[in-house]
Amino acid sequence: MRRWQYPAGSGITVSELINRSEGTDFGRSYRVTVPARLAGVRRFKLFASIETAEKWAGEQNAGIKQDGKKHFQLNPAQR
């Protein structure tokens, strides 16, 4: 399966996964992983499409650049 950084050089990875049960494939999903060195603790989230996965990864990267690790300590309403 594919794995890449998005945005490039950010350290945030997007991984392509096969949804499989009892030997039958049910399509693909995408997992975005934010490493502990960026977020304080490793965080990940699953998405049905590559577009939404990359959008969320980009938003997390922008939040890290703006607020650092605080980005993950506050929920959107508190920010």
PDB file of N, CA and C in Angstrom:
ATOM      1  N   MET A   1       0.832  -1.175   0.000  1.00  0.00           N
ATOM      2  CA  MET A   1       0.000   0.000   0.000  1.00  0.00           C
ATOM      3  C   MET A   1       0.882   1.247   0.000  1.00  0.00           C
ATOM      4  N   ARG A   2       0.332   2.299  -0.502  1.00  0.00           N
ATOM      5  CA  ARG A   2       1.082   3.550  -0.600  1.00  0.00           C
ATOM      6  C   ARG A   2       1.104   4.260   0.748  1.00  0.00           C
ATOM      7  N   ARG A   3       2.172   5.029   0.946  1.00  0.00           N
ATOM      8  CA  ARG A   3       2.306   5.875   2.132  1.00  0.00           C
ATOM      9  C   ARG A   3       3.120   7.095   1.719  1.00  0.00           C
ATOM     10  N   TRP A   4       2.638   8.294   2.074  1.00  0.00           N
ATOM     11  CA  TRP A   4       3.345   9.513   1.692  1.00  0.00           C
ATOM     12  C   TRP A   4       3.128  10.584   2.741  1.00  0.00           C
ATOM     13  N   GLN A   5       4.007  11.593   2.709  1.00  0.00           N
ATOM     14  CA  GLN A   5       3.852  12.737   3.607  1.00  0.00           C
ATOM     15  C   GLN A   5       2.995  13.786   2.914  1.00  0.00           C
ATOM     16  N   TYR A   6       2.079  14.344   3.683  1.00  0.00           N
ATOM     17  CA  TYR A   6       1.247  15.427   3.137  1.00  0.00           C
ATOM     18  C   TYR A   6       1.019  16.455   4.226  1.00  0.00           C
ATOM     19  N   PRO A   7       1.305  17.706   3.987  1.00  0.00           N
ATOM     20  CA  PRO A   7       2.094  18.239   2.883  1.00  0.00           C
ATOM     21  C   PRO A   7       3.528  17.702   2.910  1.00  0.00           C
ATOM     22  N   ALA A   8       4.164  17.708   1.775  1.00  0.00           N
ATOM     23  CA  ALA A   8       5.510  17.154   1.655  1.00  0.00           C
ATOM     24  C   ALA A   8       6.449  17.800   2.671  1.00  0.00           C
ATOM     25  N   GLY A   9       7.195  16.966   3.377  1.00  0.00           N
ATOM     26  CA  GLY A   9       8.165  17.459   4.349  1.00  0.00           C
ATOM     27  C   GLY A   9       7.583  17.818   5.706  1.00  0.00           C
ATOM     28  N   SER A  10       6.278  17.610   5.901  1.00  0.00           N
ATOM     29  CA  SER A  10       5.633  18.012   7.158  1.00  0.00           C
ATOM     30  C   SER A  10       5.814  16.993   8.274  1.00  0.00           C
ATOM     31  N   GLY A  11       6.061  15.739   7.930  1.00  0.00           N
ATOM     32  CA  GLY A  11       6.119  14.683   8.928  1.00  0.00           C
ATOM     33  C   GLY A  11       4.779  14.003   9.127  1.00  0.00           C
ATOM     34  N   ILE A  12       3.703  14.581   8.609  1.00  0.00           N
ATOM     35  CA  ILE A  12       2.363  13.992   8.689  1.00  0.00           C
ATOM     36  C   ILE A  12       2.225  13.019   7.522  1.00  0.00           C
ATOM     37  N   THR A  13       1.826  11.764   7.828  1.00  0.00           N
ATOM     38  CA  THR A  13       1.744  10.764   6.772  1.00  0.00           C
ATOM     39  C   THR A  13       0.305  10.372   6.481  1.00  0.00           C
ATOM     40  N   VAL A  14       0.073  10.048   5.216  1.00  0.00           N
ATOM     41  CA  VAL A  14      -1.197   9.501   4.759  1.00  0.00           C
ATOM     42  C   VAL A  14      -0.895   8.095   4.253  1.00  0.00           C
ATOM     43  N   SER A  15      -1.632   7.104   4.753  1.00  0.00           N
ATOM     44  CA  SER A  15      -1.444   5.717   4.350  1.00  0.00           C
ATOM     45  C   SER A  15      -2.716   5.178   3.732  1.00  0.00           C
ATOM     46  N   GLU A  16      -2.557   4.481   2.619  1.00  0.00           N
ATOM     47  CA  GLU A  16      -3.689   3.845   1.954  1.00  0.00           C
ATOM     48  C   GLU A  16      -3.899   2.465   2.583  1.00  0.00           C
ATOM     49  N   LEU A  17      -5.133   2.130   2.942  1.00  0.00           N
ATOM     50  CA  LEU A  17      -5.456   0.854   3.567  1.00  0.00           C
ATOM     51  C   LEU A  17      -6.500   0.118   2.737  1.00  0.00           C
ATOM     52  N   ILE A  18      -6.438  -1.207   2.750  1.00  0.00           N
ATOM     53  CA  ILE A  18      -7.474  -2.019   2.113  1.00  0.00           C
ATOM     54  C   ILE A  18      -8.445  -2.444   3.196  1.00  0.00           C
ATOM     55  N   ASN A  19      -9.724  -2.199   2.974  1.00  0.00           N
ATOM     56  CA  ASN A  19     -10.764  -2.646   3.897  1.00  0.00           C
ATOM     57  C   ASN A  19     -11.102  -4.084   3.536  1.00  0.00           C
ATOM     58  N   ARG A  20     -10.742  -5.022   4.426  1.00  0.00           N
ATOM     59  CA  ARG A  20     -10.889  -6.438   4.122  1.00  0.00           C
ATOM     60  C   ARG A  20     -11.534  -7.147   5.299  1.00  0.00           C
ATOM     61  N   SER A  21     -12.462  -8.037   4.997  1.00  0.00           N
ATOM     62  CA  SER A  21     -13.100  -8.860   6.016  1.00  0.00           C
ATOM     63  C   SER A  21     -13.298 -10.254   5.456  1.00  0.00           C
ATOM     64  N   GLU A  22     -12.835 -11.248   6.169  1.00  0.00           N
ATOM     65  CA  GLU A  22     -12.978 -12.650   5.780  1.00  0.00           C
ATOM     66  C   GLU A  22     -12.518 -12.894   4.353  1.00  0.00           C
ATOM     67  N   GLY A  23     -11.417 -12.256   3.960  1.00  0.00           N
ATOM     68  CA  GLY A  23     -10.832 -12.465   2.647  1.00  0.00           C
ATOM     69  C   GLY A  23     -11.470 -11.669   1.520  1.00  0.00           C
ATOM     70  N   THR A  24     -12.485 -10.876   1.807  1.00  0.00           N
ATOM     71  CA  THR A  24     -13.153 -10.074   0.777  1.00  0.00           C
ATOM     72  C   THR A  24     -12.758  -8.615   0.939  1.00  0.00           C
ATOM     73  N   ASP A  25     -12.366  -7.989  -0.160  1.00  0.00           N
ATOM     74  CA  ASP A  25     -12.006  -6.574  -0.148  1.00  0.00           C
ATOM     75  C   ASP A  25     -13.246  -5.711  -0.323  1.00  0.00           C
ATOM     76  N   PHE A  26     -13.306  -4.621   0.437  1.00  0.00           N
ATOM     77  CA  PHE A  26     -14.437  -3.701   0.380  1.00  0.00           C
ATOM     78  C   PHE A  26     -14.005  -2.286   0.046  1.00  0.00           C
ATOM     79  N   GLY A  27     -12.965  -2.125  -0.725  1.00  0.00           N
ATOM     80  CA  GLY A  27     -12.504  -0.803  -1.114  1.00  0.00           C
ATOM     81  C   GLY A  27     -11.315  -0.347  -0.286  1.00  0.00           C
ATOM     82  N   ARG A  28     -11.044   0.946  -0.348  1.00  0.00           N
ATOM     83  CA  ARG A  28      -9.888   1.515   0.322  1.00  0.00           C
ATOM     84  C   ARG A  28     -10.311   2.611   1.284  1.00  0.00           C
ATOM     85  N   SER A  29      -9.467   2.836   2.269  1.00  0.00           N
ATOM     86  CA  SER A  29      -9.627   3.981   3.163  1.00  0.00           C
ATOM     87  C   SER A  29      -8.237   4.571   3.371  1.00  0.00           C
ATOM     88  N   TYR A  30      -8.176   5.713   4.025  1.00  0.00           N
ATOM     89  CA  TYR A  30      -6.919   6.443   4.186  1.00  0.00           C
ATOM     90  C   TYR A  30      -6.755   6.857   5.638  1.00  0.00           C
ATOM     91  N   ARG A  31      -5.576   6.580   6.195  1.00  0.00           N
ATOM     92  CA  ARG A  31      -5.285   6.933   7.579  1.00  0.00           C
ATOM     93  C   ARG A  31      -4.239   8.041   7.598  1.00  0.00           C
ATOM     94  N   VAL A  32      -4.557   9.119   8.295  1.00  0.00           N
ATOM     95  CA  VAL A  32      -3.613  10.221   8.483  1.00  0.00           C
ATOM     96  C   VAL A  32      -3.010  10.054   9.871  1.00  0.00           C
ATOM     97  N   THR A  33      -1.683  10.073   9.950  1.00  0.00           N
ATOM     98  CA  THR A  33      -0.977   9.934  11.216  1.00  0.00           C
ATOM     99  C   THR A  33      -0.163  11.180  11.486  1.00  0.00           C
ATOM    100  N   VAL A  34      -0.387  11.784  12.648  1.00  0.00           N
ATOM    101  CA  VAL A  34       0.416  12.921  13.108  1.00  0.00           C
ATOM    102  C   VAL A  34       1.340  12.366  14.190  1.00  0.00           C
ATOM    103  N   PRO A  35       2.658  12.388  13.976  1.00  0.00           N
ATOM    104  CA  PRO A  35       3.567  11.760  14.934  1.00  0.00           C
ATOM    105  C   PRO A  35       3.645  12.506  16.269  1.00  0.00           C
ATOM    106  N   ALA A  36       4.068  11.785  17.292  1.00  0.00           N
ATOM    107  CA  ALA A  36       4.160  12.341  18.643  1.00  0.00           C
ATOM    108  C   ALA A  36       5.098  13.542  18.701  1.00  0.00           C
ATOM    109  N   ARG A  37       6.123  13.566  17.896  1.00  0.00           N
ATOM    110  CA  ARG A  37       7.064  14.695  17.945  1.00  0.00           C
ATOM    111  C   ARG A  37       6.413  16.007  17.532  1.00  0.00           C
ATOM    112  N   LEU A  38       5.302  15.917  16.780  1.00  0.00           N
ATOM    113  CA  LEU A  38       4.577  17.119  16.368  1.00  0.00           C
ATOM    114  C   LEU A  38       3.391  17.422  17.268  1.00  0.00           C
ATOM    115  N   ALA A  39       2.713  16.370  17.776  1.00  0.00           N
ATOM    116  CA  ALA A  39       1.450  16.558  18.494  1.00  0.00           C
ATOM    117  C   ALA A  39       1.536  16.297  19.994  1.00  0.00           C
ATOM    118  N   GLY A  40       2.670  15.830  20.488  1.00  0.00           N
ATOM    119  CA  GLY A  40       2.761  15.479  21.904  1.00  0.00           C
ATOM    120  C   GLY A  40       2.478  14.002  22.122  1.00  0.00           C
ATOM    121  N   VAL A  41       1.461  13.481  21.479  1.00  0.00           N
ATOM    122  CA  VAL A  41       1.151  12.050  21.409  1.00  0.00           C
ATOM    123  C   VAL A  41       0.753  11.749  19.973  1.00  0.00           C
ATOM    124  N   ARG A  42       0.978  10.515  19.543  1.00  0.00           N
ATOM    125  CA  ARG A  42       0.632  10.159  18.166  1.00  0.00           C
ATOM    126  C   ARG A  42      -0.882  10.218  17.998  1.00  0.00           C
ATOM    127  N   ARG A  43      -1.314  10.829  16.921  1.00  0.00           N
ATOM    128  CA  ARG A  43      -2.740  10.945  16.620  1.00  0.00           C
ATOM    129  C   ARG A  43      -2.981  10.425  15.210  1.00  0.00           C
ATOM    130  N   PHE A  44      -4.112   9.757  15.026  1.00  0.00           N
ATOM    131  CA  PHE A  44      -4.472   9.337  13.679  1.00  0.00           C
ATOM    132  C   PHE A  44      -5.973   9.389  13.496  1.00  0.00           C
ATOM    133  N   LYS A  45      -6.372   9.477  12.228  1.00  0.00           N
ATOM    134  CA  LYS A  45      -7.778   9.569  11.876  1.00  0.00           C
ATOM    135  C   LYS A  45      -7.975   8.872  10.532  1.00  0.00           C
ATOM    136  N   LEU A  46      -9.100   8.188  10.365  1.00  0.00           N
ATOM    137  CA  LEU A  46      -9.405   7.461   9.132  1.00  0.00           C
ATOM    138  C   LEU A  46     -10.399   8.223   8.268  1.00  0.00           C
ATOM    139  N   PHE A  47     -10.226   8.100   6.953  1.00  0.00           N
ATOM    140  CA  PHE A  47     -11.086   8.787   5.989  1.00  0.00           C
ATOM    141  C   PHE A  47     -11.448   7.851   4.848  1.00  0.00           C
ATOM    142  N   ALA A  48     -12.606   8.084   4.251  1.00  0.00           N
ATOM    143  CA  ALA A  48     -13.069   7.273   3.126  1.00  0.00           C
ATOM    144  C   ALA A  48     -12.436   7.712   1.810  1.00  0.00           C
ATOM    145  N   SER A  49     -12.048   8.982   1.691  1.00  0.00           N
ATOM    146  CA  SER A  49     -11.475   9.464   0.427  1.00  0.00           C
ATOM    147  C   SER A  49     -10.116  10.122   0.649  1.00  0.00           C
ATOM    148  N   ILE A  50      -9.322  10.079  -0.373  1.00  0.00           N
ATOM    149  CA  ILE A  50      -7.989  10.670  -0.315  1.00  0.00           C
ATOM    150  C   ILE A  50      -8.069  12.193  -0.189  1.00  0.00           C
ATOM    151  N   GLU A  51      -9.081  12.780  -0.809  1.00  0.00           N
ATOM    152  CA  GLU A  51      -9.220  14.237  -0.764  1.00  0.00           C
ATOM    153  C   GLU A  51      -9.464  14.733   0.658  1.00  0.00           C
ATOM    154  N   THR A  52     -10.378  14.068   1.370  1.00  0.00           N
ATOM    155  CA  THR A  52     -10.660  14.499   2.742  1.00  0.00           C
ATOM    156  C   THR A  52      -9.485  14.209   3.669  1.00  0.00           C
ATOM    157  N   ALA A  53      -8.770  13.120   3.415  1.00  0.00           N
ATOM    158  CA  ALA A  53      -7.589  12.797   4.230  1.00  0.00           C
ATOM    159  C   ALA A  53      -6.524  13.872   4.058  1.00  0.00           C
ATOM    160  N   GLU A  54      -6.234  14.240   2.819  1.00  0.00           N
ATOM    161  CA  GLU A  54      -5.216  15.256   2.572  1.00  0.00           C
ATOM    162  C   GLU A  54      -5.666  16.626   3.069  1.00  0.00           C
ATOM    163  N   LYS A  55      -6.945  16.922   2.982  1.00  0.00           N
ATOM    164  CA  LYS A  55      -7.456  18.200   3.496  1.00  0.00           C
ATOM    165  C   LYS A  55      -7.230  18.281   5.003  1.00  0.00           C
ATOM    166  N   TRP A  56      -7.576  17.211   5.744  1.00  0.00           N
ATOM    167  CA  TRP A  56      -7.401  17.196   7.200  1.00  0.00           C
ATOM    168  C   TRP A  56      -5.918  17.273   7.566  1.00  0.00           C
ATOM    169  N   ALA A  57      -5.077  16.558   6.826  1.00  0.00           N
ATOM    170  CA  ALA A  57      -3.634  16.603   7.078  1.00  0.00           C
ATOM    171  C   ALA A  57      -3.106  18.022   6.882  1.00  0.00           C
ATOM    172  N   GLY A  58      -3.559  18.700   5.842  1.00  0.00           N
ATOM    173  CA  GLY A  58      -3.149  20.085   5.598  1.00  0.00           C
ATOM    174  C   GLY A  58      -3.604  21.019   6.705  1.00  0.00           C
ATOM    175  N   GLU A  59      -4.840  20.812   7.197  1.00  0.00           N
ATOM    176  CA  GLU A  59      -5.346  21.640   8.298  1.00  0.00           C
ATOM    177  C   GLU A  59      -4.530  21.422   9.574  1.00  0.00           C
ATOM    178  N   GLN A  60      -4.141  20.171   9.842  1.00  0.00           N
ATOM    179  CA  GLN A  60      -3.343  19.890  11.032  1.00  0.00           C
ATOM    180  C   GLN A  60      -1.956  20.509  10.905  1.00  0.00           C
ATOM    181  N   ASN A  61      -1.387  20.451   9.718  1.00  0.00           N
ATOM    182  CA  ASN A  61      -0.080  21.053   9.488  1.00  0.00           C
ATOM    183  C   ASN A  61      -0.138  22.565   9.702  1.00  0.00           C
ATOM    184  N   ALA A  62      -1.183  23.202   9.184  1.00  0.00           N
ATOM    185  CA  ALA A  62      -1.338  24.649   9.371  1.00  0.00           C
ATOM    186  C   ALA A  62      -1.518  24.988  10.848  1.00  0.00           C
ATOM    187  N   GLY A  63      -2.282  24.168  11.576  1.00  0.00           N
ATOM    188  CA  GLY A  63      -2.479  24.388  13.005  1.00  0.00           C
ATOM    189  C   GLY A  63      -1.201  24.237  13.798  1.00  0.00           C
ATOM    190  N   ILE A  64      -0.391  23.259  13.425  1.00  0.00           N
ATOM    191  CA  ILE A  64       0.892  23.056  14.102  1.00  0.00           C
ATOM    192  C   ILE A  64       1.804  24.251  13.871  1.00  0.00           C
ATOM    193  N   LYS A  65       1.833  24.742  12.641  1.00  0.00           N
ATOM    194  CA  LYS A  65       2.676  25.904  12.334  1.00  0.00           C
ATOM    195  C   LYS A  65       2.223  27.142  13.096  1.00  0.00           C
ATOM    196  N   GLN A  66       0.920  27.291  13.283  1.00  0.00           N
ATOM    197  CA  GLN A  66       0.381  28.472  13.961  1.00  0.00           C
ATOM    198  C   GLN A  66       0.488  28.352  15.483  1.00  0.00           C
ATOM    199  N   ASP A  67       0.097  27.206  16.043  1.00  0.00           N
ATOM    200  CA  ASP A  67      -0.019  27.077  17.497  1.00  0.00           C
ATOM    201  C   ASP A  67       0.929  26.067  18.133  1.00  0.00           C
ATOM    202  N   GLY A  68       1.671  25.313  17.349  1.00  0.00           N
ATOM    203  CA  GLY A  68       2.524  24.263  17.901  1.00  0.00           C
ATOM    204  C   GLY A  68       1.676  23.144  18.502  1.00  0.00           C
ATOM    205  N   LYS A  69       2.166  22.516  19.564  1.00  0.00           N
ATOM    206  CA  LYS A  69       1.453  21.408  20.193  1.00  0.00           C
ATOM    207  C   LYS A  69       0.148  21.845  20.841  1.00  0.00           C
ATOM    208  N   LYS A  70      -0.016  23.129  21.116  1.00  0.00           N
ATOM    209  CA  LYS A  70      -1.274  23.639  21.675  1.00  0.00           C
ATOM    210  C   LYS A  70      -2.445  23.361  20.738  1.00  0.00           C
ATOM    211  N   HIS A  71      -2.167  23.253  19.452  1.00  0.00           N
ATOM    212  CA  HIS A  71      -3.205  22.983  18.455  1.00  0.00           C
ATOM    213  C   HIS A  71      -4.003  21.731  18.822  1.00  0.00           C
ATOM    214  N   PHE A  72      -3.362  20.761  19.458  1.00  0.00           N
ATOM    215  CA  PHE A  72      -4.018  19.506  19.798  1.00  0.00           C
ATOM    216  C   PHE A  72      -4.575  19.499  21.217  1.00  0.00           C
ATOM    217  N   GLN A  73      -4.285  20.500  22.000  1.00  0.00           N
ATOM    218  CA  GLN A  73      -4.767  20.548  23.380  1.00  0.00           C
ATOM    219  C   GLN A  73      -6.108  21.259  23.498  1.00  0.00           C
ATOM    220  N   LEU A  74      -6.462  22.058  22.520  1.00  0.00           N
ATOM    221  CA  LEU A  74      -7.722  22.785  22.536  1.00  0.00           C
ATOM    222  C   LEU A  74      -8.649  22.253  21.459  1.00  0.00           C
ATOM    223  N   ASN A  75      -9.934  22.189  21.737  1.00  0.00           N
ATOM    224  CA  ASN A  75     -10.859  21.785  20.666  1.00  0.00           C
ATOM    225  C   ASN A  75     -11.166  23.011  19.807  1.00  0.00           C
ATOM    226  N   PRO A  76     -11.744  22.822  18.638  1.00  0.00           N
ATOM    227  CA  PRO A  76     -11.999  23.959  17.741  1.00  0.00           C
ATOM    228  C   PRO A  76     -12.795  25.101  18.371  1.00  0.00           C
ATOM    229  N   ALA A  77     -13.758  24.793  19.239  1.00  0.00           N
ATOM    230  CA  ALA A  77     -14.552  25.830  19.878  1.00  0.00           C
ATOM    231  C   ALA A  77     -13.690  26.681  20.825  1.00  0.00           C
ATOM    232  N   GLN A  78     -12.749  26.056  21.517  1.00  0.00           N
ATOM    233  CA  GLN A  78     -11.866  26.786  22.438  1.00  0.00           C
ATOM    234  C   GLN A  78     -10.861  27.647  21.678  1.00  0.00           C
ATOM    235  N   ARG A  79     -10.448  27.204  20.493  1.00  0.00           N
ATOM    236  CA  ARG A  79      -9.500  27.976  19.705  1.00  0.00           C
ATOM    237  C   ARG A  79     -10.158  29.242  19.229  1.00  0.00           C
TER     238      ARG A  79
END
